[in-house]
Amino acid sequence: MTPHAGFWIVVSLMALAEAAIVVTALRMRVRQDASRGILGTRAAEVVWTLLPVGLIAVLAVMSYGVA
């Protein structure tokens, strides 16, 4: 069974939104300020941005065979 066209539209829009978030996180310039804690730590921001991408990809692959 193949997924409907709507499925691919949603997947495309999600990928576009996630790509925009990653690009924005990488381009962001933050002054180094120890009092801010983890905010402004580029590696941490990229990780917590990419984790949902992985989760969505896993769920999409798992639901592809179920539908």
N, C-alpha and C. Protein backbone atom coordinates (compact mmCIF):
# COMPACT_ATOMS: atom_id res chain seq x y z
N MET A 1 0.84 -1.17 0.00
CA MET A 1 0.00 0.00 0.00
C MET A 1 0.89 1.24 0.00
N THR A 2 0.62 2.18 -0.88
CA THR A 2 1.43 3.40 -0.95
C THR A 2 0.74 4.51 -0.17
N PRO A 3 1.54 5.38 0.42
CA PRO A 3 0.94 6.49 1.18
C PRO A 3 0.27 7.50 0.25
N HIS A 4 -0.69 8.20 0.77
CA HIS A 4 -1.41 9.21 0.00
C HIS A 4 -0.52 10.40 -0.28
N ALA A 5 -0.92 11.21 -1.25
CA ALA A 5 -0.15 12.41 -1.61
C ALA A 5 -0.06 13.37 -0.42
N GLY A 6 -1.09 13.41 0.40
CA GLY A 6 -1.10 14.28 1.57
C GLY A 6 0.03 13.95 2.53
N PHE A 7 0.34 12.65 2.65
CA PHE A 7 1.43 12.21 3.52
C PHE A 7 2.74 12.83 3.06
N TRP A 8 3.00 12.79 1.76
CA TRP A 8 4.26 13.32 1.24
C TRP A 8 4.31 14.84 1.35
N ILE A 9 3.17 15.49 1.25
CA ILE A 9 3.13 16.94 1.44
C ILE A 9 3.50 17.30 2.87
N VAL A 10 2.94 16.57 3.83
CA VAL A 10 3.24 16.81 5.24
C VAL A 10 4.71 16.52 5.53
N VAL A 11 5.23 15.41 5.01
CA VAL A 11 6.64 15.07 5.22
C VAL A 11 7.54 16.15 4.63
N SER A 12 7.21 16.64 3.46
CA SER A 12 8.01 17.69 2.83
C SER A 12 7.99 18.98 3.64
N LEU A 13 6.82 19.36 4.13
CA LEU A 13 6.72 20.58 4.93
C LEU A 13 7.47 20.44 6.25
N MET A 14 7.40 19.28 6.87
CA MET A 14 8.14 19.06 8.12
C MET A 14 9.65 19.13 7.87
N ALA A 15 10.11 18.53 6.79
CA ALA A 15 11.54 18.56 6.47
C ALA A 15 11.98 19.99 6.20
N LEU A 16 11.17 20.76 5.52
CA LEU A 16 11.50 22.15 5.23
C LEU A 16 11.56 22.97 6.52
N ALA A 17 10.61 22.75 7.41
CA ALA A 17 10.60 23.48 8.68
C ALA A 17 11.82 23.12 9.53
N GLU A 18 12.15 21.85 9.61
CA GLU A 18 13.30 21.41 10.38
C GLU A 18 14.60 21.96 9.79
N ALA A 19 14.70 21.98 8.47
CA ALA A 19 15.89 22.53 7.82
C ALA A 19 16.03 24.02 8.14
N ALA A 20 14.92 24.74 8.14
CA ALA A 20 14.96 26.16 8.48
C ALA A 20 15.42 26.38 9.92
N ILE A 21 14.96 25.53 10.83
CA ILE A 21 15.36 25.64 12.23
C ILE A 21 16.86 25.37 12.37
N VAL A 22 17.36 24.35 11.70
CA VAL A 22 18.79 24.01 11.79
C VAL A 22 19.64 25.14 11.22
N VAL A 23 19.24 25.68 10.06
CA VAL A 23 20.00 26.77 9.45
C VAL A 23 20.01 27.99 10.38
N THR A 24 18.87 28.29 10.96
CA THR A 24 18.78 29.43 11.88
C THR A 24 19.66 29.21 13.10
N ALA A 25 19.65 28.00 13.65
CA ALA A 25 20.47 27.70 14.83
C ALA A 25 21.96 27.82 14.50
N LEU A 26 22.36 27.40 13.32
CA LEU A 26 23.76 27.47 12.94
C LEU A 26 24.22 28.90 12.64
N ARG A 27 23.32 29.73 12.15
CA ARG A 27 23.68 31.10 11.79
C ARG A 27 23.61 32.05 12.97
N MET A 28 22.98 31.63 14.06
CA MET A 28 22.78 32.51 15.20
C MET A 28 24.12 32.88 15.84
N ARG A 29 24.28 34.12 16.14
CA ARG A 29 25.49 34.60 16.80
C ARG A 29 25.12 34.99 18.22
N VAL A 30 25.83 34.41 19.17
CA VAL A 30 25.54 34.67 20.58
C VAL A 30 26.84 35.05 21.27
N ARG A 31 26.77 36.10 22.08
CA ARG A 31 27.94 36.49 22.86
C ARG A 31 28.18 35.45 23.94
N GLN A 32 29.44 35.18 24.23
CA GLN A 32 29.78 34.24 25.29
C GLN A 32 29.52 34.90 26.63
N ASP A 33 28.61 34.34 27.40
CA ASP A 33 28.26 34.87 28.71
C ASP A 33 28.02 33.68 29.62
N ALA A 34 28.90 33.49 30.57
CA ALA A 34 28.82 32.32 31.45
C ALA A 34 27.54 32.29 32.27
N SER A 35 26.94 33.44 32.54
CA SER A 35 25.74 33.47 33.37
C SER A 35 24.51 32.92 32.64
N ARG A 36 24.59 32.77 31.33
CA ARG A 36 23.44 32.28 30.56
C ARG A 36 23.30 30.77 30.62
N GLY A 37 24.29 30.07 31.11
CA GLY A 37 24.21 28.61 31.20
C GLY A 37 24.33 27.95 29.85
N ILE A 38 23.41 27.04 29.53
CA ILE A 38 23.50 26.26 28.30
C ILE A 38 22.98 27.04 27.09
N LEU A 39 22.20 28.08 27.30
CA LEU A 39 21.70 28.87 26.18
C LEU A 39 22.87 29.49 25.44
N GLY A 40 22.86 29.38 24.15
CA GLY A 40 23.94 29.92 23.35
C GLY A 40 25.03 28.91 23.05
N THR A 41 24.91 27.71 23.60
CA THR A 41 25.87 26.66 23.29
C THR A 41 25.43 26.01 21.99
N ARG A 42 26.17 26.31 20.92
CA ARG A 42 25.74 25.88 19.59
C ARG A 42 25.57 24.37 19.48
N ALA A 43 26.50 23.60 20.04
CA ALA A 43 26.40 22.14 19.94
C ALA A 43 25.12 21.63 20.61
N ALA A 44 24.80 22.16 21.78
CA ALA A 44 23.59 21.73 22.47
C ALA A 44 22.34 22.12 21.68
N GLU A 45 22.34 23.31 21.11
CA GLU A 45 21.18 23.75 20.34
C GLU A 45 20.98 22.90 19.08
N VAL A 46 22.07 22.53 18.43
CA VAL A 46 21.95 21.68 17.24
C VAL A 46 21.43 20.31 17.64
N VAL A 47 21.92 19.76 18.75
CA VAL A 47 21.48 18.43 19.20
C VAL A 47 20.00 18.45 19.52
N TRP A 48 19.52 19.42 20.31
CA TRP A 48 18.12 19.39 20.66
C TRP A 48 17.21 19.85 19.54
N THR A 49 17.79 20.34 18.46
CA THR A 49 17.01 20.59 17.25
C THR A 49 16.93 19.33 16.39
N LEU A 50 18.02 18.57 16.33
CA LEU A 50 18.05 17.38 15.48
C LEU A 50 17.37 16.16 16.11
N LEU A 51 17.28 16.12 17.42
CA LEU A 51 16.61 14.99 18.07
C LEU A 51 15.15 14.82 17.61
N PRO A 52 14.35 15.88 17.55
CA PRO A 52 12.99 15.71 17.03
C PRO A 52 12.96 15.25 15.57
N VAL A 53 13.95 15.68 14.78
CA VAL A 53 14.01 15.24 13.39
C VAL A 53 14.16 13.73 13.34
N GLY A 54 15.05 13.19 14.16
CA GLY A 54 15.24 11.74 14.22
C GLY A 54 14.00 11.02 14.69
N LEU A 55 13.35 11.58 15.69
CA LEU A 55 12.12 10.97 16.20
C LEU A 55 11.03 10.96 15.14
N ILE A 56 10.86 12.07 14.44
CA ILE A 56 9.85 12.13 13.38
C ILE A 56 10.18 11.15 12.26
N ALA A 57 11.45 11.03 11.92
CA ALA A 57 11.85 10.09 10.87
C ALA A 57 11.54 8.65 11.29
N VAL A 58 11.86 8.30 12.53
CA VAL A 58 11.58 6.95 13.02
C VAL A 58 10.08 6.68 13.01
N LEU A 59 9.29 7.64 13.49
CA LEU A 59 7.84 7.45 13.50
C LEU A 59 7.27 7.34 12.09
N ALA A 60 7.81 8.10 11.15
CA ALA A 60 7.34 8.03 9.77
C ALA A 60 7.64 6.65 9.18
N VAL A 61 8.83 6.14 9.43
CA VAL A 61 9.20 4.82 8.90
C VAL A 61 8.34 3.74 9.55
N MET A 62 8.11 3.86 10.85
CA MET A 62 7.30 2.85 11.55
C MET A 62 5.86 2.88 11.09
N SER A 63 5.31 4.08 10.85
CA SER A 63 3.90 4.19 10.45
C SER A 63 3.70 3.87 8.97
N TYR A 64 4.76 3.91 8.19
CA TYR A 64 4.63 3.62 6.77
C TYR A 64 4.11 2.21 6.52
N GLY A 65 4.62 1.26 7.30
CA GLY A 65 4.18 -0.13 7.14
C GLY A 65 2.86 -0.43 7.82
N VAL A 66 2.44 0.39 8.76
CA VAL A 66 1.21 0.14 9.52
C VAL A 66 -0.01 0.60 8.75
N ALA A 67 0.09 1.73 8.05
CA ALA A 67 -1.06 2.30 7.35
C ALA A 67 -1.49 1.35 6.29
